[in-house]
Amino acid sequence: MEQETTSSQPVVRPQNEDEDGGGNSQLTQQFGERIKHLRISVSLSQEELSFRSGLHRNYISDVERGRRNISLKALDKLAKGLGIALRDLF
């Protein structure tokens, strides 16, 4: 936990697990590995998944490396691009 002082009382706030400078958390890294596994299992390149999902190839690369905290809309696009149900991403 980090402690800040404002006026005379300290304010304590929990430290965000993504505050490591690179935005990597264990959760985003694990999810990225799952996406990469699913993509490879259906024999798609990042470029082909990009085309099918409407997401930029660099974005997909960042997701697979755990560098992006992906939105629900992007999750839906990825699932459709992979030809799987949204729940199967997890």
N, C-alpha and C. Protein backbone atom coordinates (compact mmCIF):
# COMPACT_ATOMS: atom_id res chain seq x y z
N MET A 1 0.83 -1.18 0.00
CA MET A 1 0.00 0.00 0.00
C MET A 1 0.87 1.24 0.00
N GLU A 2 0.40 2.24 -0.69
CA GLU A 2 1.10 3.50 -0.71
C GLU A 2 0.38 4.46 0.22
N GLN A 3 1.13 5.37 0.80
CA GLN A 3 0.53 6.33 1.71
C GLN A 3 0.80 7.73 1.20
N GLU A 4 -0.26 8.50 1.12
CA GLU A 4 -0.16 9.89 0.70
C GLU A 4 -0.65 10.75 1.85
N THR A 5 -0.15 11.94 1.91
CA THR A 5 -0.65 12.85 2.93
C THR A 5 -1.32 14.03 2.26
N THR A 6 -2.52 14.31 2.72
CA THR A 6 -3.24 15.50 2.28
C THR A 6 -3.62 16.25 3.53
N SER A 7 -3.36 17.49 3.54
CA SER A 7 -3.51 18.34 4.73
C SER A 7 -2.88 17.66 5.94
N SER A 8 -3.66 17.26 6.93
CA SER A 8 -3.06 16.68 8.12
C SER A 8 -3.32 15.18 8.26
N GLN A 9 -4.12 14.59 7.37
CA GLN A 9 -4.44 13.17 7.51
C GLN A 9 -3.86 12.38 6.34
N PRO A 10 -3.23 11.23 6.64
CA PRO A 10 -2.71 10.40 5.56
C PRO A 10 -3.84 9.69 4.82
N VAL A 11 -3.64 9.50 3.54
CA VAL A 11 -4.59 8.77 2.72
C VAL A 11 -3.88 7.51 2.25
N VAL A 12 -4.47 6.36 2.49
CA VAL A 12 -3.88 5.10 2.08
C VAL A 12 -4.68 4.56 0.92
N ARG A 13 -3.99 4.22 -0.14
CA ARG A 13 -4.67 3.62 -1.28
C ARG A 13 -3.95 2.33 -1.66
N PRO A 14 -4.71 1.31 -2.09
CA PRO A 14 -4.06 0.06 -2.48
C PRO A 14 -3.22 0.26 -3.73
N GLN A 15 -2.13 -0.46 -3.80
CA GLN A 15 -1.28 -0.36 -4.97
C GLN A 15 -1.87 -1.22 -6.07
N ASN A 16 -2.02 -0.65 -7.23
CA ASN A 16 -2.56 -1.34 -8.39
C ASN A 16 -1.54 -2.34 -8.90
N GLU A 17 -1.96 -3.56 -9.15
CA GLU A 17 -1.02 -4.58 -9.61
C GLU A 17 -0.46 -4.28 -10.99
N ASP A 18 -1.10 -3.36 -11.73
CA ASP A 18 -0.61 -3.01 -13.05
C ASP A 18 0.37 -1.84 -13.01
N GLU A 19 0.74 -1.36 -11.84
CA GLU A 19 1.63 -0.22 -11.74
C GLU A 19 3.10 -0.63 -11.79
N ASP A 20 3.42 -1.53 -12.67
CA ASP A 20 4.81 -1.95 -12.78
C ASP A 20 5.51 -1.25 -13.93
N GLY A 21 4.87 -0.24 -14.50
CA GLY A 21 5.49 0.52 -15.57
C GLY A 21 5.15 -0.01 -16.94
N GLY A 22 4.96 -1.31 -17.09
CA GLY A 22 4.66 -1.88 -18.40
C GLY A 22 3.22 -2.28 -18.57
N GLY A 23 2.43 -2.17 -17.53
CA GLY A 23 1.03 -2.54 -17.64
C GLY A 23 0.80 -4.04 -17.63
N ASN A 24 1.81 -4.82 -17.25
CA ASN A 24 1.66 -6.27 -17.24
C ASN A 24 1.19 -6.76 -15.89
N SER A 25 0.16 -7.54 -15.89
CA SER A 25 -0.24 -8.23 -14.69
C SER A 25 -0.27 -9.71 -15.02
N GLN A 26 -0.27 -10.51 -14.01
CA GLN A 26 -0.32 -11.96 -14.23
C GLN A 26 -1.58 -12.34 -15.00
N LEU A 27 -2.69 -11.68 -14.70
CA LEU A 27 -3.94 -11.98 -15.37
C LEU A 27 -3.87 -11.68 -16.86
N THR A 28 -3.37 -10.49 -17.23
CA THR A 28 -3.30 -10.15 -18.65
C THR A 28 -2.30 -11.05 -19.38
N GLN A 29 -1.24 -11.46 -18.71
CA GLN A 29 -0.28 -12.36 -19.34
C GLN A 29 -0.88 -13.74 -19.57
N GLN A 30 -1.60 -14.25 -18.57
CA GLN A 30 -2.24 -15.56 -18.71
C GLN A 30 -3.31 -15.53 -19.79
N PHE A 31 -4.08 -14.45 -19.83
CA PHE A 31 -5.11 -14.35 -20.85
C PHE A 31 -4.47 -14.26 -22.24
N GLY A 32 -3.39 -13.52 -22.36
CA GLY A 32 -2.69 -13.42 -23.64
C GLY A 32 -2.19 -14.76 -24.12
N GLU A 33 -1.67 -15.56 -23.20
CA GLU A 33 -1.21 -16.91 -23.57
C GLU A 33 -2.38 -17.76 -24.06
N ARG A 34 -3.54 -17.59 -23.42
CA ARG A 34 -4.74 -18.33 -23.84
C ARG A 34 -5.14 -17.93 -25.25
N ILE A 35 -5.14 -16.64 -25.54
CA ILE A 35 -5.50 -16.17 -26.88
C ILE A 35 -4.53 -16.72 -27.92
N LYS A 36 -3.25 -16.68 -27.62
CA LYS A 36 -2.26 -17.20 -28.55
C LYS A 36 -2.46 -18.69 -28.79
N HIS A 37 -2.72 -19.43 -27.73
CA HIS A 37 -2.98 -20.88 -27.87
C HIS A 37 -4.19 -21.13 -28.76
N LEU A 38 -5.27 -20.38 -28.53
CA LEU A 38 -6.48 -20.55 -29.35
C LEU A 38 -6.21 -20.19 -30.80
N ARG A 39 -5.48 -19.11 -31.03
CA ARG A 39 -5.18 -18.68 -32.40
C ARG A 39 -4.37 -19.74 -33.14
N ILE A 40 -3.35 -20.26 -32.48
CA ILE A 40 -2.49 -21.27 -33.10
C ILE A 40 -3.27 -22.57 -33.33
N SER A 41 -4.17 -22.91 -32.39
CA SER A 41 -4.93 -24.16 -32.51
C SER A 41 -5.86 -24.17 -33.71
N VAL A 42 -6.25 -22.99 -34.20
CA VAL A 42 -7.08 -22.92 -35.41
C VAL A 42 -6.25 -22.47 -36.62
N SER A 43 -4.93 -22.55 -36.48
CA SER A 43 -3.98 -22.27 -37.57
C SER A 43 -4.14 -20.89 -38.17
N LEU A 44 -4.25 -19.88 -37.32
CA LEU A 44 -4.35 -18.51 -37.81
C LEU A 44 -3.10 -17.73 -37.45
N SER A 45 -2.66 -16.89 -38.36
CA SER A 45 -1.59 -15.94 -38.04
C SER A 45 -2.23 -14.75 -37.34
N GLN A 46 -1.41 -13.93 -36.71
CA GLN A 46 -1.92 -12.71 -36.10
C GLN A 46 -2.57 -11.84 -37.17
N GLU A 47 -1.98 -11.82 -38.34
CA GLU A 47 -2.51 -11.00 -39.44
C GLU A 47 -3.90 -11.48 -39.87
N GLU A 48 -4.08 -12.79 -39.98
CA GLU A 48 -5.38 -13.34 -40.38
C GLU A 48 -6.42 -13.10 -39.30
N LEU A 49 -6.04 -13.28 -38.03
CA LEU A 49 -6.97 -13.00 -36.94
C LEU A 49 -7.34 -11.52 -36.93
N SER A 50 -6.37 -10.69 -37.23
CA SER A 50 -6.62 -9.25 -37.32
C SER A 50 -7.68 -8.96 -38.38
N PHE A 51 -7.53 -9.54 -39.53
CA PHE A 51 -8.49 -9.35 -40.62
C PHE A 51 -9.88 -9.85 -40.22
N ARG A 52 -9.94 -11.03 -39.61
CA ARG A 52 -11.24 -11.63 -39.25
C ARG A 52 -11.92 -10.91 -38.10
N SER A 53 -11.14 -10.34 -37.21
CA SER A 53 -11.72 -9.72 -36.02
C SER A 53 -11.93 -8.21 -36.15
N GLY A 54 -11.24 -7.60 -37.10
CA GLY A 54 -11.33 -6.15 -37.23
C GLY A 54 -10.45 -5.41 -36.23
N LEU A 55 -9.52 -6.13 -35.61
CA LEU A 55 -8.58 -5.52 -34.67
C LEU A 55 -7.21 -5.44 -35.32
N HIS A 56 -6.44 -4.43 -35.00
CA HIS A 56 -5.12 -4.25 -35.60
C HIS A 56 -4.18 -5.37 -35.16
N ARG A 57 -3.31 -5.80 -36.05
CA ARG A 57 -2.37 -6.89 -35.75
C ARG A 57 -1.49 -6.54 -34.55
N ASN A 58 -1.07 -5.29 -34.44
CA ASN A 58 -0.24 -4.89 -33.30
C ASN A 58 -1.02 -5.00 -31.98
N TYR A 59 -2.31 -4.72 -32.04
CA TYR A 59 -3.15 -4.84 -30.84
C TYR A 59 -3.22 -6.31 -30.41
N ILE A 60 -3.43 -7.20 -31.37
CA ILE A 60 -3.48 -8.64 -31.07
C ILE A 60 -2.15 -9.10 -30.49
N SER A 61 -1.05 -8.65 -31.06
CA SER A 61 0.27 -8.98 -30.54
C SER A 61 0.41 -8.50 -29.09
N ASP A 62 -0.03 -7.28 -28.82
CA ASP A 62 0.05 -6.74 -27.46
C ASP A 62 -0.81 -7.54 -26.49
N VAL A 63 -1.99 -7.95 -26.92
CA VAL A 63 -2.87 -8.77 -26.07
C VAL A 63 -2.18 -10.09 -25.75
N GLU A 64 -1.62 -10.74 -26.77
CA GLU A 64 -0.96 -12.03 -26.58
C GLU A 64 0.25 -11.93 -25.65
N ARG A 65 0.89 -10.78 -25.61
CA ARG A 65 2.06 -10.58 -24.74
C ARG A 65 1.68 -10.02 -23.37
N GLY A 66 0.37 -9.85 -23.13
CA GLY A 66 -0.09 -9.36 -21.85
C GLY A 66 0.11 -7.88 -21.65
N ARG A 67 0.24 -7.14 -22.73
CA ARG A 67 0.50 -5.71 -22.65
C ARG A 67 -0.77 -4.86 -22.74
N ARG A 68 -1.89 -5.49 -22.98
CA ARG A 68 -3.16 -4.76 -23.11
C ARG A 68 -4.19 -5.30 -22.13
N ASN A 69 -4.94 -4.40 -21.56
CA ASN A 69 -6.09 -4.76 -20.75
C ASN A 69 -7.29 -4.65 -21.69
N ILE A 70 -7.69 -5.77 -22.25
CA ILE A 70 -8.62 -5.80 -23.36
C ILE A 70 -10.05 -5.48 -22.93
N SER A 71 -10.78 -4.77 -23.78
CA SER A 71 -12.17 -4.38 -23.49
C SER A 71 -13.13 -5.53 -23.83
N LEU A 72 -14.34 -5.41 -23.33
CA LEU A 72 -15.36 -6.41 -23.63
C LEU A 72 -15.68 -6.45 -25.13
N LYS A 73 -15.70 -5.29 -25.76
CA LYS A 73 -15.98 -5.24 -27.20
C LYS A 73 -14.88 -5.95 -27.99
N ALA A 74 -13.63 -5.74 -27.59
CA ALA A 74 -12.52 -6.40 -28.27
C ALA A 74 -12.54 -7.91 -28.00
N LEU A 75 -12.95 -8.31 -26.80
CA LEU A 75 -13.09 -9.75 -26.51
C LEU A 75 -14.09 -10.39 -27.46
N ASP A 76 -15.21 -9.71 -27.66
CA ASP A 76 -16.24 -10.22 -28.56
C ASP A 76 -15.71 -10.34 -29.98
N LYS A 77 -14.97 -9.33 -30.43
CA LYS A 77 -14.40 -9.37 -31.78
C LYS A 77 -13.39 -10.51 -31.93
N LEU A 78 -12.57 -10.73 -30.89
CA LEU A 78 -11.60 -11.82 -30.93
C LEU A 78 -12.30 -13.17 -31.02
N ALA A 79 -13.34 -13.35 -30.22
CA ALA A 79 -14.07 -14.62 -30.24
C ALA A 79 -14.66 -14.87 -31.62
N LYS A 80 -15.25 -13.86 -32.20
CA LYS A 80 -15.83 -14.01 -33.55
C LYS A 80 -14.73 -14.29 -34.57
N GLY A 81 -13.60 -13.62 -34.45
CA GLY A 81 -12.49 -13.85 -35.36
C GLY A 81 -11.93 -15.25 -35.26
N LEU A 82 -11.97 -15.82 -34.05
CA LEU A 82 -11.49 -17.18 -33.83
C LEU A 82 -12.55 -18.22 -34.15
N GLY A 83 -13.80 -17.75 -34.36
CA GLY A 83 -14.89 -18.66 -34.67
C GLY A 83 -15.34 -19.48 -33.46
N ILE A 84 -15.26 -18.86 -32.27
CA ILE A 84 -15.65 -19.56 -31.04
C ILE A 84 -16.61 -18.68 -30.23
N ALA A 85 -17.28 -19.31 -29.27
CA ALA A 85 -18.16 -18.56 -28.37
C ALA A 85 -17.29 -17.72 -27.43
N LEU A 86 -17.83 -16.60 -27.02
CA LEU A 86 -17.12 -15.71 -26.11
C LEU A 86 -16.67 -16.44 -24.85
N ARG A 87 -17.52 -17.29 -24.31
CA ARG A 87 -17.17 -18.01 -23.07
C ARG A 87 -15.98 -18.94 -23.26
N ASP A 88 -15.71 -19.37 -24.48
CA ASP A 88 -14.59 -20.27 -24.74
C ASP A 88 -13.22 -19.58 -24.72
N LEU A 89 -13.23 -18.25 -24.63
CA LEU A 89 -11.97 -17.52 -24.50
C LEU A 89 -11.36 -17.76 -23.13
N PHE A 90 -12.18 -18.17 -22.18
CA PHE A 90 -11.73 -18.34 -20.81
C PHE A 90 -11.64 -19.80 -20.51
